[in-house]
All heavy atoms as atom14 arrays in JSON, in Angstrom:
{
  "sequence": "SGQLRDALELIWEVFNEYEAPDYEEMGVKTFQHFIEFHSMKEKME",
  "atom14_mask": [
    [1, 1, 1, 1, 1, 1, 0, 0, 0, 0, 0, 0, 0, 0],
    [1, 1, 1, 1, 0, 0, 0, 0, 0, 0, 0, 0, 0, 0],
    [1, 1, 1, 1, 1, 1, 1, 1, 1, 0, 0, 0, 0, 0],
    [1, 1, 1, 1, 1, 1, 1, 1, 0, 0, 0, 0, 0, 0],
    [1, 1, 1, 1, 1, 1, 1, 1, 1, 1, 1, 0, 0, 0],
    [1, 1, 1, 1, 1, 1, 1, 1, 0, 0, 0, 0, 0, 0],
    [1, 1, 1, 1, 1, 0, 0, 0, 0, 0, 0, 0, 0, 0],
    [1, 1, 1, 1, 1, 1, 1, 1, 0, 0, 0, 0, 0, 0],
    [1, 1, 1, 1, 1, 1, 1, 1, 1, 0, 0, 0, 0, 0],
    [1, 1, 1, 1, 1, 1, 1, 1, 0, 0, 0, 0, 0, 0],
    [1, 1, 1, 1, 1, 1, 1, 1, 0, 0, 0, 0, 0, 0],
    [1, 1, 1, 1, 1, 1, 1, 1, 1, 1, 1, 1, 1, 1],
    [1, 1, 1, 1, 1, 1, 1, 1, 1, 0, 0, 0, 0, 0],
    [1, 1, 1, 1, 1, 1, 1, 0, 0, 0, 0, 0, 0, 0],
    [1, 1, 1, 1, 1, 1, 1, 1, 1, 1, 1, 0, 0, 0],
    [1, 1, 1, 1, 1, 1, 1, 1, 0, 0, 0, 0, 0, 0],
    [1, 1, 1, 1, 1, 1, 1, 1, 1, 0, 0, 0, 0, 0],
    [1, 1, 1, 1, 1, 1, 1, 1, 1, 1, 1, 1, 0, 0],
    [1, 1, 1, 1, 1, 1, 1, 1, 1, 0, 0, 0, 0, 0],
    [1, 1, 1, 1, 1, 0, 0, 0, 0, 0, 0, 0, 0, 0],
    [1, 1, 1, 1, 1, 1, 1, 0, 0, 0, 0, 0, 0, 0],
    [1, 1, 1, 1, 1, 1, 1, 1, 0, 0, 0, 0, 0, 0],
    [1, 1, 1, 1, 1, 1, 1, 1, 1, 1, 1, 1, 0, 0],
    [1, 1, 1, 1, 1, 1, 1, 1, 1, 0, 0, 0, 0, 0],
    [1, 1, 1, 1, 1, 1, 1, 1, 1, 0, 0, 0, 0, 0],
    [1, 1, 1, 1, 1, 1, 1, 1, 0, 0, 0, 0, 0, 0],
    [1, 1, 1, 1, 0, 0, 0, 0, 0, 0, 0, 0, 0, 0],
    [1, 1, 1, 1, 1, 1, 1, 0, 0, 0, 0, 0, 0, 0],
    [1, 1, 1, 1, 1, 1, 1, 1, 1, 0, 0, 0, 0, 0],
    [1, 1, 1, 1, 1, 1, 1, 0, 0, 0, 0, 0, 0, 0],
    [1, 1, 1, 1, 1, 1, 1, 1, 1, 1, 1, 0, 0, 0],
    [1, 1, 1, 1, 1, 1, 1, 1, 1, 0, 0, 0, 0, 0],
    [1, 1, 1, 1, 1, 1, 1, 1, 1, 1, 0, 0, 0, 0],
    [1, 1, 1, 1, 1, 1, 1, 1, 1, 1, 1, 0, 0, 0],
    [1, 1, 1, 1, 1, 1, 1, 1, 0, 0, 0, 0, 0, 0],
    [1, 1, 1, 1, 1, 1, 1, 1, 1, 0, 0, 0, 0, 0],
    [1, 1, 1, 1, 1, 1, 1, 1, 1, 1, 1, 0, 0, 0],
    [1, 1, 1, 1, 1, 1, 1, 1, 1, 1, 0, 0, 0, 0],
    [1, 1, 1, 1, 1, 1, 0, 0, 0, 0, 0, 0, 0, 0],
    [1, 1, 1, 1, 1, 1, 1, 1, 0, 0, 0, 0, 0, 0],
    [1, 1, 1, 1, 1, 1, 1, 1, 1, 0, 0, 0, 0, 0],
    [1, 1, 1, 1, 1, 1, 1, 1, 1, 0, 0, 0, 0, 0],
    [1, 1, 1, 1, 1, 1, 1, 1, 1, 0, 0, 0, 0, 0],
    [1, 1, 1, 1, 1, 1, 1, 1, 0, 0, 0, 0, 0, 0],
    [1, 1, 1, 1, 1, 1, 1, 1, 1, 0, 0, 0, 0, 0]
  ],
  "atom14_positions": [
    [[61.89, -40.04, 38.57], [61.85, -39.28, 37.31], [61.58, -40.19, 36.13], [61.0, -39.7, 35.13], [63.13, -38.46, 37.11], [64.24, -39.3, 37.08], [0.0, 0.0, 0.0], [0.0, 0.0, 0.0], [0.0, 0.0, 0.0], [0.0, 0.0, 0.0], [0.0, 0.0, 0.0], [0.0, 0.0, 0.0], [0.0, 0.0, 0.0], [0.0, 0.0, 0.0]],
    [[61.9, -41.47, 36.19], [61.55, -42.34, 35.09], [60.05, -42.68, 34.97], [59.61, -43.11, 33.89], [0.0, 0.0, 0.0], [0.0, 0.0, 0.0], [0.0, 0.0, 0.0], [0.0, 0.0, 0.0], [0.0, 0.0, 0.0], [0.0, 0.0, 0.0], [0.0, 0.0, 0.0], [0.0, 0.0, 0.0], [0.0, 0.0, 0.0], [0.0, 0.0, 0.0]],
    [[59.3, -42.44, 36.02], [57.87, -42.63, 35.99], [57.09, -41.35, 35.81], [55.85, -41.36, 35.71], [57.44, -43.25, 37.35], [58.08, -44.61, 37.59], [57.96, -45.02, 39.07], [58.44, -44.31, 39.94], [57.37, -46.15, 39.36], [0.0, 0.0, 0.0], [0.0, 0.0, 0.0], [0.0, 0.0, 0.0], [0.0, 0.0, 0.0], [0.0, 0.0, 0.0]],
    [[57.85, -40.23, 35.69], [57.17, -38.93, 35.68], [56.34, -38.73, 34.45], [55.24, -38.17, 34.47], [58.23, -37.8, 35.78], [57.68, -36.39, 35.79], [56.73, -36.15, 36.95], [58.84, -35.38, 35.82], [0.0, 0.0, 0.0], [0.0, 0.0, 0.0], [0.0, 0.0, 0.0], [0.0, 0.0, 0.0], [0.0, 0.0, 0.0], [0.0, 0.0, 0.0]],
    [[56.85, -39.12, 33.24], [56.09, -38.92, 32.02], [54.76, -39.55, 32.07], [53.74, -38.96, 31.71], [56.88, -39.4, 30.78], [56.27, -38.87, 29.5], [57.14, -39.24, 28.27], [58.48, -38.65, 28.29], [58.82, -37.44, 27.99], [57.91, -36.57, 27.59], [60.11, -37.04, 28.0], [0.0, 0.0, 0.0], [0.0, 0.0, 0.0], [0.0, 0.0, 0.0]],
    [[54.6, -40.79, 32.59], [53.33, -41.41, 32.69], [52.43, -40.68, 33.69], [51.23, -40.54, 33.4], [53.47, -42.86, 33.22], [54.02, -43.85, 32.13], [54.03, -43.45, 30.93], [54.51, -44.92, 32.51], [0.0, 0.0, 0.0], [0.0, 0.0, 0.0], [0.0, 0.0, 0.0], [0.0, 0.0, 0.0], [0.0, 0.0, 0.0], [0.0, 0.0, 0.0]],
    [[52.99, -40.17, 34.72], [52.19, -39.41, 35.68], [51.64, -38.12, 35.12], [50.47, -37.8, 35.26], [53.05, -39.07, 36.95], [0.0, 0.0, 0.0], [0.0, 0.0, 0.0], [0.0, 0.0, 0.0], [0.0, 0.0, 0.0], [0.0, 0.0, 0.0], [0.0, 0.0, 0.0], [0.0, 0.0, 0.0], [0.0, 0.0, 0.0], [0.0, 0.0, 0.0]],
    [[52.47, -37.46, 34.35], [52.01, -36.23, 33.72], [50.98, -36.48, 32.65], [50.04, -35.64, 32.44], [53.18, -35.41, 33.15], [54.2, -34.91, 34.22], [55.4, -34.26, 33.58], [53.57, -34.01, 35.26], [0.0, 0.0, 0.0], [0.0, 0.0, 0.0], [0.0, 0.0, 0.0], [0.0, 0.0, 0.0], [0.0, 0.0, 0.0], [0.0, 0.0, 0.0]],
    [[51.12, -37.54, 31.93], [50.09, -37.91, 30.93], [48.78, -38.23, 31.59], [47.7, -37.81, 31.08], [50.57, -39.12, 30.11], [51.68, -38.74, 29.12], [52.33, -39.91, 28.37], [51.83, -41.06, 28.6], [53.23, -39.68, 27.6], [0.0, 0.0, 0.0], [0.0, 0.0, 0.0], [0.0, 0.0, 0.0], [0.0, 0.0, 0.0], [0.0, 0.0, 0.0]],
    [[48.8, -38.91, 32.76], [47.58, -39.17, 33.53], [46.96, -37.86, 33.96], [45.75, -37.61, 33.81], [47.86, -40.04, 34.73], [46.71, -40.35, 35.66], [46.92, -41.71, 36.29], [46.51, -39.31, 36.71], [0.0, 0.0, 0.0], [0.0, 0.0, 0.0], [0.0, 0.0, 0.0], [0.0, 0.0, 0.0], [0.0, 0.0, 0.0], [0.0, 0.0, 0.0]],
    [[47.77, -37.0, 34.51], [47.27, -35.65, 34.95], [46.64, -34.9, 33.84], [45.56, -34.39, 33.96], [48.46, -34.87, 35.61], [48.84, -35.49, 36.92], [48.06, -33.37, 35.8], [50.19, -35.01, 37.51], [0.0, 0.0, 0.0], [0.0, 0.0, 0.0], [0.0, 0.0, 0.0], [0.0, 0.0, 0.0], [0.0, 0.0, 0.0], [0.0, 0.0, 0.0]],
    [[47.3, -34.82, 32.68], [46.71, -34.12, 31.52], [45.42, -34.73, 31.05], [44.47, -34.05, 30.73], [47.74, -34.03, 30.42], [47.32, -33.21, 29.23], [47.2, -33.67, 28.01], [46.97, -31.86, 29.18], [46.75, -32.71, 27.15], [46.63, -31.53, 27.87], [46.9, -30.86, 30.09], [46.18, -30.31, 27.46], [46.48, -29.57, 29.75], [46.15, -29.32, 28.41]],
    [[45.41, -36.02, 30.99], [44.18, -36.74, 30.55], [43.0, -36.46, 31.51], [41.88, -36.06, 31.04], [44.42, -38.28, 30.51], [43.23, -39.1, 30.27], [43.52, -40.56, 30.5], [44.55, -41.06, 30.0], [42.71, -41.27, 31.13], [0.0, 0.0, 0.0], [0.0, 0.0, 0.0], [0.0, 0.0, 0.0], [0.0, 0.0, 0.0], [0.0, 0.0, 0.0]],
    [[43.18, -36.55, 32.79], [42.14, -36.35, 33.75], [41.78, -34.89, 33.81], [40.55, -34.53, 33.9], [42.54, -36.86, 35.15], [41.48, -36.51, 36.16], [42.78, -38.35, 35.11], [0.0, 0.0, 0.0], [0.0, 0.0, 0.0], [0.0, 0.0, 0.0], [0.0, 0.0, 0.0], [0.0, 0.0, 0.0], [0.0, 0.0, 0.0], [0.0, 0.0, 0.0]],
    [[42.74, -33.96, 33.72], [42.52, -32.53, 33.67], [41.55, -32.16, 32.55], [40.56, -31.47, 32.68], [43.79, -31.76, 33.53], [43.56, -30.29, 33.35], [43.38, -29.45, 34.46], [43.56, -29.7, 32.15], [43.19, -28.08, 34.32], [43.38, -28.31, 31.93], [43.13, -27.5, 33.04], [0.0, 0.0, 0.0], [0.0, 0.0, 0.0], [0.0, 0.0, 0.0]],
    [[41.85, -32.73, 31.36], [41.05, -32.44, 30.15], [39.58, -32.97, 30.3], [38.65, -32.34, 29.82], [41.68, -32.99, 28.91], [42.71, -32.11, 28.33], [42.45, -30.92, 28.11], [43.89, -32.58, 28.14], [0.0, 0.0, 0.0], [0.0, 0.0, 0.0], [0.0, 0.0, 0.0], [0.0, 0.0, 0.0], [0.0, 0.0, 0.0], [0.0, 0.0, 0.0]],
    [[39.44, -34.08, 31.01], [38.12, -34.63, 31.17], [37.26, -33.95, 32.2], [36.11, -33.68, 31.98], [38.24, -36.14, 31.51], [36.91, -36.88, 31.59], [37.09, -38.34, 31.76], [38.2, -38.87, 31.75], [36.04, -38.99, 31.93], [0.0, 0.0, 0.0], [0.0, 0.0, 0.0], [0.0, 0.0, 0.0], [0.0, 0.0, 0.0], [0.0, 0.0, 0.0]],
    [[37.93, -33.61, 33.33], [37.18, -33.08, 34.44], [37.37, -31.6, 34.78], [36.47, -31.04, 35.42], [37.49, -33.94, 35.73], [36.99, -35.39, 35.63], [37.84, -36.34, 35.16], [35.65, -35.64, 35.84], [37.39, -37.62, 35.03], [35.22, -36.92, 35.66], [36.03, -37.93, 35.26], [35.6, -39.23, 35.11], [0.0, 0.0, 0.0], [0.0, 0.0, 0.0]],
    [[38.5, -31.03, 34.47], [38.79, -29.67, 34.88], [38.67, -28.68, 33.72], [38.09, -27.61, 33.9], [40.21, -29.61, 35.39], [40.55, -30.57, 36.5], [39.89, -30.28, 37.86], [39.4, -29.12, 37.99], [39.86, -31.13, 38.67], [0.0, 0.0, 0.0], [0.0, 0.0, 0.0], [0.0, 0.0, 0.0], [0.0, 0.0, 0.0], [0.0, 0.0, 0.0]],
    [[39.2, -28.99, 32.59], [39.25, -28.09, 31.46], [37.89, -27.47, 31.09], [37.83, -26.3, 30.76], [39.92, -28.72, 30.21], [0.0, 0.0, 0.0], [0.0, 0.0, 0.0], [0.0, 0.0, 0.0], [0.0, 0.0, 0.0], [0.0, 0.0, 0.0], [0.0, 0.0, 0.0], [0.0, 0.0, 0.0], [0.0, 0.0, 0.0], [0.0, 0.0, 0.0]],
    [[36.8, -28.26, 31.18], [35.51, -27.68, 30.83], [35.1, -26.45, 31.69], [34.32, -25.65, 31.31], [34.5, -28.82, 31.0], [35.36, -30.04, 30.77], [36.67, -29.74, 31.41], [0.0, 0.0, 0.0], [0.0, 0.0, 0.0], [0.0, 0.0, 0.0], [0.0, 0.0, 0.0], [0.0, 0.0, 0.0], [0.0, 0.0, 0.0], [0.0, 0.0, 0.0]],
    [[35.69, -26.34, 32.89], [35.43, -25.22, 33.81], [36.39, -24.09, 33.66], [36.32, -23.11, 34.36], [35.42, -25.69, 35.24], [34.28, -26.61, 35.58], [33.21, -26.43, 35.03], [34.44, -27.48, 36.45], [0.0, 0.0, 0.0], [0.0, 0.0, 0.0], [0.0, 0.0, 0.0], [0.0, 0.0, 0.0], [0.0, 0.0, 0.0], [0.0, 0.0, 0.0]],
    [[37.37, -24.21, 32.77], [38.44, -23.19, 32.61], [38.32, -22.48, 31.27], [37.89, -23.11, 30.33], [39.78, -23.86, 32.74], [40.2, -24.27, 34.16], [39.58, -25.34, 34.75], [41.16, -23.54, 34.81], [39.91, -25.7, 36.01], [41.5, -23.88, 36.12], [40.89, -24.99, 36.71], [41.25, -25.32, 37.99], [0.0, 0.0, 0.0], [0.0, 0.0, 0.0]],
    [[38.76, -21.28, 31.26], [38.92, -20.59, 29.99], [40.17, -20.99, 29.35], [41.01, -21.68, 29.95], [38.82, -19.05, 30.21], [39.95, -18.58, 31.15], [39.68, -17.11, 31.61], [38.63, -16.75, 32.03], [40.69, -16.38, 31.55], [0.0, 0.0, 0.0], [0.0, 0.0, 0.0], [0.0, 0.0, 0.0], [0.0, 0.0, 0.0], [0.0, 0.0, 0.0]],
    [[40.35, -20.69, 28.09], [41.49, -21.15, 27.31], [42.82, -20.79, 27.98], [43.72, -21.58, 28.05], [41.46, -20.55, 25.89], [42.54, -21.03, 24.99], [42.5, -20.49, 23.61], [41.48, -19.84, 23.25], [43.55, -20.65, 22.84], [0.0, 0.0, 0.0], [0.0, 0.0, 0.0], [0.0, 0.0, 0.0], [0.0, 0.0, 0.0], [0.0, 0.0, 0.0]],
    [[42.89, -19.56, 28.55], [44.09, -19.17, 29.22], [44.45, -20.11, 30.39], [45.6, -20.47, 30.66], [44.02, -17.74, 29.73], [45.19, -17.26, 30.45], [44.9, -15.55, 31.05], [46.45, -15.14, 31.75], [0.0, 0.0, 0.0], [0.0, 0.0, 0.0], [0.0, 0.0, 0.0], [0.0, 0.0, 0.0], [0.0, 0.0, 0.0], [0.0, 0.0, 0.0]],
    [[43.44, -20.54, 31.17], [43.66, -21.43, 32.25], [44.19, -22.8, 31.82], [45.06, -23.41, 32.46], [0.0, 0.0, 0.0], [0.0, 0.0, 0.0], [0.0, 0.0, 0.0], [0.0, 0.0, 0.0], [0.0, 0.0, 0.0], [0.0, 0.0, 0.0], [0.0, 0.0, 0.0], [0.0, 0.0, 0.0], [0.0, 0.0, 0.0], [0.0, 0.0, 0.0]],
    [[43.6, -23.3, 30.7], [44.08, -24.57, 30.21], [45.54, -24.48, 29.72], [46.34, -25.37, 30.07], [43.16, -25.04, 29.04], [43.75, -26.31, 28.33], [41.77, -25.29, 29.54], [0.0, 0.0, 0.0], [0.0, 0.0, 0.0], [0.0, 0.0, 0.0], [0.0, 0.0, 0.0], [0.0, 0.0, 0.0], [0.0, 0.0, 0.0], [0.0, 0.0, 0.0]],
    [[45.91, -23.41, 29.1], [47.24, -23.18, 28.69], [48.2, -23.05, 29.85], [49.35, -23.57, 29.85], [47.37, -22.04, 27.7], [46.81, -22.35, 26.35], [46.87, -21.2, 25.41], [46.33, -21.6, 24.03], [46.44, -20.55, 23.04], [0.0, 0.0, 0.0], [0.0, 0.0, 0.0], [0.0, 0.0, 0.0], [0.0, 0.0, 0.0], [0.0, 0.0, 0.0]],
    [[47.77, -22.28, 30.9], [48.58, -22.1, 32.1], [48.84, -23.46, 32.75], [49.96, -23.78, 33.16], [47.87, -21.17, 33.06], [47.74, -19.9, 32.5], [48.61, -21.07, 34.38], [0.0, 0.0, 0.0], [0.0, 0.0, 0.0], [0.0, 0.0, 0.0], [0.0, 0.0, 0.0], [0.0, 0.0, 0.0], [0.0, 0.0, 0.0], [0.0, 0.0, 0.0]],
    [[47.81, -24.31, 32.9], [47.98, -25.58, 33.48], [48.92, -26.48, 32.63], [49.83, -27.12, 33.19], [46.66, -26.28, 33.68], [46.79, -27.6, 34.42], [46.88, -27.58, 35.82], [46.8, -28.79, 33.77], [47.1, -28.77, 36.54], [46.95, -29.99, 34.48], [47.06, -29.95, 35.83], [0.0, 0.0, 0.0], [0.0, 0.0, 0.0], [0.0, 0.0, 0.0]],
    [[48.69, -26.49, 31.34], [49.55, -27.29, 30.42], [50.99, -26.83, 30.63], [51.91, -27.71, 30.63], [49.11, -27.13, 29.0], [49.84, -28.03, 28.01], [49.22, -27.92, 26.6], [48.68, -26.89, 26.24], [49.36, -28.97, 25.87], [0.0, 0.0, 0.0], [0.0, 0.0, 0.0], [0.0, 0.0, 0.0], [0.0, 0.0, 0.0], [0.0, 0.0, 0.0]],
    [[51.29, -25.61, 30.67], [52.66, -25.07, 30.84], [53.22, -25.51, 32.2], [54.38, -25.91, 32.27], [52.64, -23.53, 30.72], [54.0, -22.97, 30.93], [55.01, -23.04, 29.99], [54.48, -22.25, 32.0], [56.09, -22.45, 30.5], [55.77, -21.95, 31.7], [0.0, 0.0, 0.0], [0.0, 0.0, 0.0], [0.0, 0.0, 0.0], [0.0, 0.0, 0.0]],
    [[52.36, -25.5, 33.24], [52.81, -25.87, 34.59], [53.3, -27.33, 34.6], [54.29, -27.61, 35.29], [51.67, -25.68, 35.54], [52.04, -26.12, 36.98], [52.97, -25.44, 37.77], [51.43, -27.24, 37.52], [53.32, -25.9, 39.05], [51.7, -27.63, 38.82], [52.66, -26.97, 39.55], [0.0, 0.0, 0.0], [0.0, 0.0, 0.0], [0.0, 0.0, 0.0]],
    [[52.58, -28.2, 33.9], [52.99, -29.63, 33.96], [53.88, -30.05, 32.81], [54.08, -31.24, 32.59], [51.73, -30.55, 34.01], [50.89, -30.46, 32.73], [50.86, -30.25, 35.24], [49.84, -31.54, 32.55], [0.0, 0.0, 0.0], [0.0, 0.0, 0.0], [0.0, 0.0, 0.0], [0.0, 0.0, 0.0], [0.0, 0.0, 0.0], [0.0, 0.0, 0.0]],
    [[54.57, -29.12, 32.17], [55.47, -29.45, 31.13], [56.61, -30.4, 31.68], [57.13, -30.17, 32.77], [56.08, -28.14, 30.57], [56.92, -28.31, 29.35], [58.4, -28.69, 29.6], [58.95, -28.18, 30.56], [58.91, -29.47, 28.82], [0.0, 0.0, 0.0], [0.0, 0.0, 0.0], [0.0, 0.0, 0.0], [0.0, 0.0, 0.0], [0.0, 0.0, 0.0]],
    [[56.91, -31.42, 30.95], [57.79, -32.51, 31.45], [59.12, -32.01, 31.94], [59.52, -32.36, 33.07], [57.94, -33.58, 30.32], [58.95, -34.67, 30.74], [58.56, -35.62, 31.63], [60.2, -34.63, 30.21], [59.48, -36.62, 32.01], [61.1, -35.64, 30.57], [60.78, -36.61, 31.5], [0.0, 0.0, 0.0], [0.0, 0.0, 0.0], [0.0, 0.0, 0.0]],
    [[59.87, -31.31, 31.16], [61.26, -30.94, 31.57], [61.27, -30.03, 32.81], [62.07, -30.22, 33.68], [61.94, -30.25, 30.39], [62.21, -31.18, 29.23], [63.06, -32.26, 29.28], [61.6, -31.29, 28.04], [63.02, -32.93, 28.17], [62.13, -32.37, 27.38], [0.0, 0.0, 0.0], [0.0, 0.0, 0.0], [0.0, 0.0, 0.0], [0.0, 0.0, 0.0]],
    [[60.3, -29.1, 32.89], [60.18, -28.27, 34.05], [59.86, -29.09, 35.29], [60.46, -28.89, 36.37], [59.15, -27.18, 33.77], [58.9, -26.45, 34.98], [0.0, 0.0, 0.0], [0.0, 0.0, 0.0], [0.0, 0.0, 0.0], [0.0, 0.0, 0.0], [0.0, 0.0, 0.0], [0.0, 0.0, 0.0], [0.0, 0.0, 0.0], [0.0, 0.0, 0.0]],
    [[58.91, -29.95, 35.13], [58.49, -30.82, 36.29], [59.56, -31.8, 36.67], [59.76, -32.01, 37.89], [57.18, -31.5, 35.88], [56.34, -31.92, 37.0], [55.93, -30.64, 38.27], [54.79, -29.57, 37.43], [0.0, 0.0, 0.0], [0.0, 0.0, 0.0], [0.0, 0.0, 0.0], [0.0, 0.0, 0.0], [0.0, 0.0, 0.0], [0.0, 0.0, 0.0]],
    [[60.28, -32.31, 35.75], [61.44, -33.24, 36.01], [62.46, -32.48, 36.83], [63.02, -33.06, 37.86], [62.02, -33.78, 34.74], [63.09, -34.83, 34.99], [63.6, -35.4, 33.73], [64.76, -36.38, 34.05], [65.43, -36.83, 32.87], [0.0, 0.0, 0.0], [0.0, 0.0, 0.0], [0.0, 0.0, 0.0], [0.0, 0.0, 0.0], [0.0, 0.0, 0.0]],
    [[62.76, -31.26, 36.45], [63.73, -30.47, 37.16], [63.24, -30.2, 38.62], [64.01, -30.3, 39.57], [63.93, -29.13, 36.46], [65.05, -28.25, 37.02], [65.22, -27.0, 36.13], [65.66, -27.12, 34.98], [64.93, -25.94, 36.69], [0.0, 0.0, 0.0], [0.0, 0.0, 0.0], [0.0, 0.0, 0.0], [0.0, 0.0, 0.0], [0.0, 0.0, 0.0]],
    [[61.95, -29.89, 38.77], [61.38, -29.66, 40.12], [61.43, -30.95, 40.94], [61.67, -30.88, 42.16], [59.96, -29.2, 39.97], [59.84, -27.7, 39.47], [58.43, -27.34, 39.3], [58.4, -25.9, 38.7], [57.08, -25.44, 38.41], [0.0, 0.0, 0.0], [0.0, 0.0, 0.0], [0.0, 0.0, 0.0], [0.0, 0.0, 0.0], [0.0, 0.0, 0.0]],
    [[61.17, -32.06, 40.29], [61.23, -33.35, 41.01], [62.65, -33.65, 41.42], [62.9, -34.05, 42.6], [60.69, -34.44, 40.1], [60.59, -35.79, 40.7], [60.04, -37.0, 39.53], [58.9, -37.97, 40.48], [0.0, 0.0, 0.0], [0.0, 0.0, 0.0], [0.0, 0.0, 0.0], [0.0, 0.0, 0.0], [0.0, 0.0, 0.0], [0.0, 0.0, 0.0]],
    [[63.62, -33.52, 40.54], [64.99, -33.84, 40.86], [65.61, -32.88, 41.92], [66.47, -33.28, 42.7], [65.8, -33.9, 39.58], [65.42, -35.1, 38.72], [66.11, -35.13, 37.38], [66.73, -34.12, 36.96], [66.01, -36.16, 36.76], [0.0, 0.0, 0.0], [0.0, 0.0, 0.0], [0.0, 0.0, 0.0], [0.0, 0.0, 0.0], [0.0, 0.0, 0.0]]
  ]
}
């Protein structure tokens, strides 16, 4: 969990570069919500 924030930042960066252009605004927001740090930390733990 101490490395999670860096992982999620990488995911968001790469998503924005390669995935977001193929998604509508709702999809980008859905993905951003899915990778929210506290939620993902809870899932990891």
